[in-house]
Amino acid sequence: MNMENKSFGKEQRIRKRSDYQSIYKEGARVHSKSFIVLVNPNCRGRTRLGITASKKVGNSVARNRIKRLVREFFRLNRDRLPVSTDIVVIAKKDISLLNYQVVCKELEVMCEKR
């Protein structure tokens, strides 16, 4: 396994507000207990990830922890995700106590639903 293709660089992130807004408007939504996932095809040739965690999730420590867990899932499971797709994961409130296994289980189910 080459670490080069397991990185999470800038080209795999959704960074512009306009990109987020178009995904919110046009993307297909999948809900779970802890997350809402929006999936929208793109023409960039690569899968990109965006994560949203509002203050309802908790303080900055809790929000950043959830974002790290989601990024880790994306980084390790990128080959299972659809190519040329923008994915936005929205964290719901009160999920700051989730561990990595629970996050993986919920996001895997959502990947299968798409």
C-alpha atoms as a PDB file:
ATOM      1  CA  MET A   1       0.000   0.000   0.000  1.00  0.00           C
ATOM      2  CA  ASN A   2       1.544   3.246  -1.159  1.00  0.00           C
ATOM      3  CA  MET A   3       1.154   6.193   1.224  1.00  0.00           C
ATOM      4  CA  GLU A   4       1.227   8.602  -1.710  1.00  0.00           C
ATOM      5  CA  ASN A   5      -2.285   7.665  -2.779  1.00  0.00           C
ATOM      6  CA  LYS A   6      -3.601   7.575   0.805  1.00  0.00           C
ATOM      7  CA  SER A   7      -2.940  11.253   1.486  1.00  0.00           C
ATOM      8  CA  PHE A   8      -5.652  13.892   1.753  1.00  0.00           C
ATOM      9  CA  GLY A   9      -4.405  16.906  -0.188  1.00  0.00           C
ATOM     10  CA  LYS A  10      -5.990  20.175  -1.244  1.00  0.00           C
ATOM     11  CA  GLU A  11      -7.238  18.732  -4.522  1.00  0.00           C
ATOM     12  CA  GLN A  12      -9.442  16.292  -2.585  1.00  0.00           C
ATOM     13  CA  ARG A  13     -11.135  19.009  -0.503  1.00  0.00           C
ATOM     14  CA  ILE A  14     -14.110  21.167  -1.305  1.00  0.00           C
ATOM     15  CA  ARG A  15     -12.856  24.627  -0.414  1.00  0.00           C
ATOM     16  CA  LYS A  16     -15.015  27.263  -2.100  1.00  0.00           C
ATOM     17  CA  ARG A  17     -18.249  28.546  -0.660  1.00  0.00           C
ATOM     18  CA  SER A  18     -19.823  28.508  -4.129  1.00  0.00           C
ATOM     19  CA  ASP A  19     -19.035  24.774  -4.450  1.00  0.00           C
ATOM     20  CA  TYR A  20     -20.697  24.071  -1.107  1.00  0.00           C
ATOM     21  CA  GLN A  21     -23.768  26.093  -2.078  1.00  0.00           C
ATOM     22  CA  SER A  22     -24.217  24.266  -5.389  1.00  0.00           C
ATOM     23  CA  ILE A  23     -23.861  20.889  -3.638  1.00  0.00           C
ATOM     24  CA  TYR A  24     -26.425  21.913  -0.996  1.00  0.00           C
ATOM     25  CA  LYS A  25     -28.799  22.957  -3.765  1.00  0.00           C
ATOM     26  CA  GLU A  26     -28.314  20.078  -6.233  1.00  0.00           C
ATOM     27  CA  GLY A  27     -26.897  17.153  -4.244  1.00  0.00           C
ATOM     28  CA  ALA A  28     -28.721  13.956  -3.324  1.00  0.00           C
ATOM     29  CA  ARG A  29     -29.171  13.589   0.446  1.00  0.00           C
ATOM     30  CA  VAL A  30     -28.721  10.491   2.549  1.00  0.00           C
ATOM     31  CA  HIS A  31     -29.543  10.625   6.271  1.00  0.00           C
ATOM     32  CA  SER A  32     -28.328   8.574   9.205  1.00  0.00           C
ATOM     33  CA  LYS A  33     -28.513   8.976  12.972  1.00  0.00           C
ATOM     34  CA  SER A  34     -25.409  11.168  13.157  1.00  0.00           C
ATOM     35  CA  PHE A  35     -24.795  12.513   9.642  1.00  0.00           C
ATOM     36  CA  ILE A  36     -26.375  13.947   6.532  1.00  0.00           C
ATOM     37  CA  VAL A  37     -24.367  13.178   3.391  1.00  0.00           C
ATOM     38  CA  LEU A  38     -24.840  15.164   0.203  1.00  0.00           C
ATOM     39  CA  VAL A  39     -23.546  13.598  -3.005  1.00  0.00           C
ATOM     40  CA  ASN A  40     -23.243  15.504  -6.264  1.00  0.00           C
ATOM     41  CA  PRO A  41     -21.403  14.489  -9.465  1.00  0.00           C
ATOM     42  CA  ASN A  42     -18.624  16.796 -10.665  1.00  0.00           C
ATOM     43  CA  CYS A  43     -16.587  17.102 -13.839  1.00  0.00           C
ATOM     44  CA  ARG A  44     -13.182  17.311 -12.146  1.00  0.00           C
ATOM     45  CA  GLY A  45     -12.306  13.622 -12.452  1.00  0.00           C
ATOM     46  CA  ARG A  46     -11.711  13.176  -8.721  1.00  0.00           C
ATOM     47  CA  THR A  47     -13.755  12.668  -5.592  1.00  0.00           C
ATOM     48  CA  ARG A  48     -13.739  15.617  -3.204  1.00  0.00           C
ATOM     49  CA  LEU A  49     -14.846  15.855   0.421  1.00  0.00           C
ATOM     50  CA  GLY A  50     -16.315  18.706   2.436  1.00  0.00           C
ATOM     51  CA  ILE A  51     -17.247  18.508   6.111  1.00  0.00           C
ATOM     52  CA  THR A  52     -19.609  20.762   8.033  1.00  0.00           C
ATOM     53  CA  ALA A  53     -19.864  20.709  11.831  1.00  0.00           C
ATOM     54  CA  SER A  54     -21.826  23.554  13.383  1.00  0.00           C
ATOM     55  CA  LYS A  55     -21.641  24.686  17.002  1.00  0.00           C
ATOM     56  CA  LYS A  56     -24.585  22.364  17.733  1.00  0.00           C
ATOM     57  CA  VAL A  57     -22.068  19.504  17.559  1.00  0.00           C
ATOM     58  CA  GLY A  58     -20.121  20.940  20.482  1.00  0.00           C
ATOM     59  CA  ASN A  59     -17.121  23.088  21.215  1.00  0.00           C
ATOM     60  CA  SER A  60     -14.200  23.450  18.806  1.00  0.00           C
ATOM     61  CA  VAL A  61     -12.456  20.384  20.215  1.00  0.00           C
ATOM     62  CA  ALA A  62     -15.520  18.206  19.574  1.00  0.00           C
ATOM     63  CA  ARG A  63     -16.124  19.656  16.092  1.00  0.00           C
ATOM     64  CA  ASN A  64     -12.524  19.178  15.011  1.00  0.00           C
ATOM     65  CA  ARG A  65     -12.491  15.611  16.369  1.00  0.00           C
ATOM     66  CA  ILE A  66     -15.546  14.668  14.299  1.00  0.00           C
ATOM     67  CA  LYS A  67     -13.984  16.263  11.214  1.00  0.00           C
ATOM     68  CA  ARG A  68     -10.755  14.308  11.754  1.00  0.00           C
ATOM     69  CA  LEU A  69     -12.693  11.040  12.040  1.00  0.00           C
ATOM     70  CA  VAL A  70     -14.649  11.719   8.838  1.00  0.00           C
ATOM     71  CA  ARG A  71     -11.480  12.706   6.948  1.00  0.00           C
ATOM     72  CA  GLU A  72      -9.771   9.509   8.104  1.00  0.00           C
ATOM     73  CA  PHE A  73     -12.712   7.407   6.859  1.00  0.00           C
ATOM     74  CA  PHE A  74     -12.618   9.212   3.507  1.00  0.00           C
ATOM     75  CA  ARG A  75      -8.844   8.865   3.208  1.00  0.00           C
ATOM     76  CA  LEU A  76      -8.860   5.110   3.858  1.00  0.00           C
ATOM     77  CA  ASN A  77     -11.999   4.306   1.823  1.00  0.00           C
ATOM     78  CA  ARG A  78     -11.568   6.613  -1.162  1.00  0.00           C
ATOM     79  CA  ASP A  79     -11.359   3.678  -3.584  1.00  0.00           C
ATOM     80  CA  ARG A  80     -14.857   2.526  -2.503  1.00  0.00           C
ATOM     81  CA  LEU A  81     -16.416   5.914  -3.223  1.00  0.00           C
ATOM     82  CA  PRO A  82     -17.740   6.984  -6.628  1.00  0.00           C
ATOM     83  CA  VAL A  83     -15.251   8.747  -8.915  1.00  0.00           C
ATOM     84  CA  SER A  84     -15.881  12.371  -9.966  1.00  0.00           C
ATOM     85  CA  THR A  85     -18.164  13.092  -7.055  1.00  0.00           C
ATOM     86  CA  ASP A  86     -18.391  15.853  -4.486  1.00  0.00           C
ATOM     87  CA  ILE A  87     -19.356  14.590  -1.035  1.00  0.00           C
ATOM     88  CA  VAL A  88     -20.357  16.872   1.835  1.00  0.00           C
ATOM     89  CA  VAL A  89     -20.773  15.320   5.287  1.00  0.00           C
ATOM     90  CA  ILE A  90     -22.858  17.359   7.716  1.00  0.00           C
ATOM     91  CA  ALA A  91     -22.520  16.367  11.368  1.00  0.00           C
ATOM     92  CA  LYS A  92     -25.746  16.434  13.381  1.00  0.00           C
ATOM     93  CA  LYS A  93     -25.908  17.704  16.937  1.00  0.00           C
ATOM     94  CA  ASP A  94     -24.738  15.791  20.012  1.00  0.00           C
ATOM     95  CA  ILE A  95     -22.413  13.351  18.253  1.00  0.00           C
ATOM     96  CA  SER A  96     -19.146  14.448  19.816  1.00  0.00           C
ATOM     97  CA  LEU A  97     -18.818  11.177  21.783  1.00  0.00           C
ATOM     98  CA  LEU A  98     -18.765   8.928  18.707  1.00  0.00           C
ATOM     99  CA  ASN A  99     -15.708   6.770  18.234  1.00  0.00           C
ATOM    100  CA  TYR A 100     -14.072   5.917  14.918  1.00  0.00           C
ATOM    101  CA  GLN A 101     -15.772   2.511  14.603  1.00  0.00           C
ATOM    102  CA  VAL A 102     -19.249   4.053  14.903  1.00  0.00           C
ATOM    103  CA  VAL A 103     -18.392   6.780  12.391  1.00  0.00           C
ATOM    104  CA  CYS A 104     -17.116   4.127   9.950  1.00  0.00           C
ATOM    105  CA  LYS A 105     -20.219   1.987  10.384  1.00  0.00           C
ATOM    106  CA  GLU A 106     -22.585   4.895   9.678  1.00  0.00           C
ATOM    107  CA  LEU A 107     -20.632   6.227   6.707  1.00  0.00           C
ATOM    108  CA  GLU A 108     -20.202   2.738   5.184  1.00  0.00           C
ATOM    109  CA  VAL A 109     -23.973   2.241   5.241  1.00  0.00           C
ATOM    110  CA  MET A 110     -24.381   5.623   3.592  1.00  0.00           C
ATOM    111  CA  CYS A 111     -21.861   4.730   0.886  1.00  0.00           C
ATOM    112  CA  GLU A 112     -23.905   1.626   0.099  1.00  0.00           C
ATOM    113  CA  LYS A 113     -27.191   3.597  -0.077  1.00  0.00           C
ATOM    114  CA  ARG A 114     -26.027   6.080  -2.719  1.00  0.00           C
END
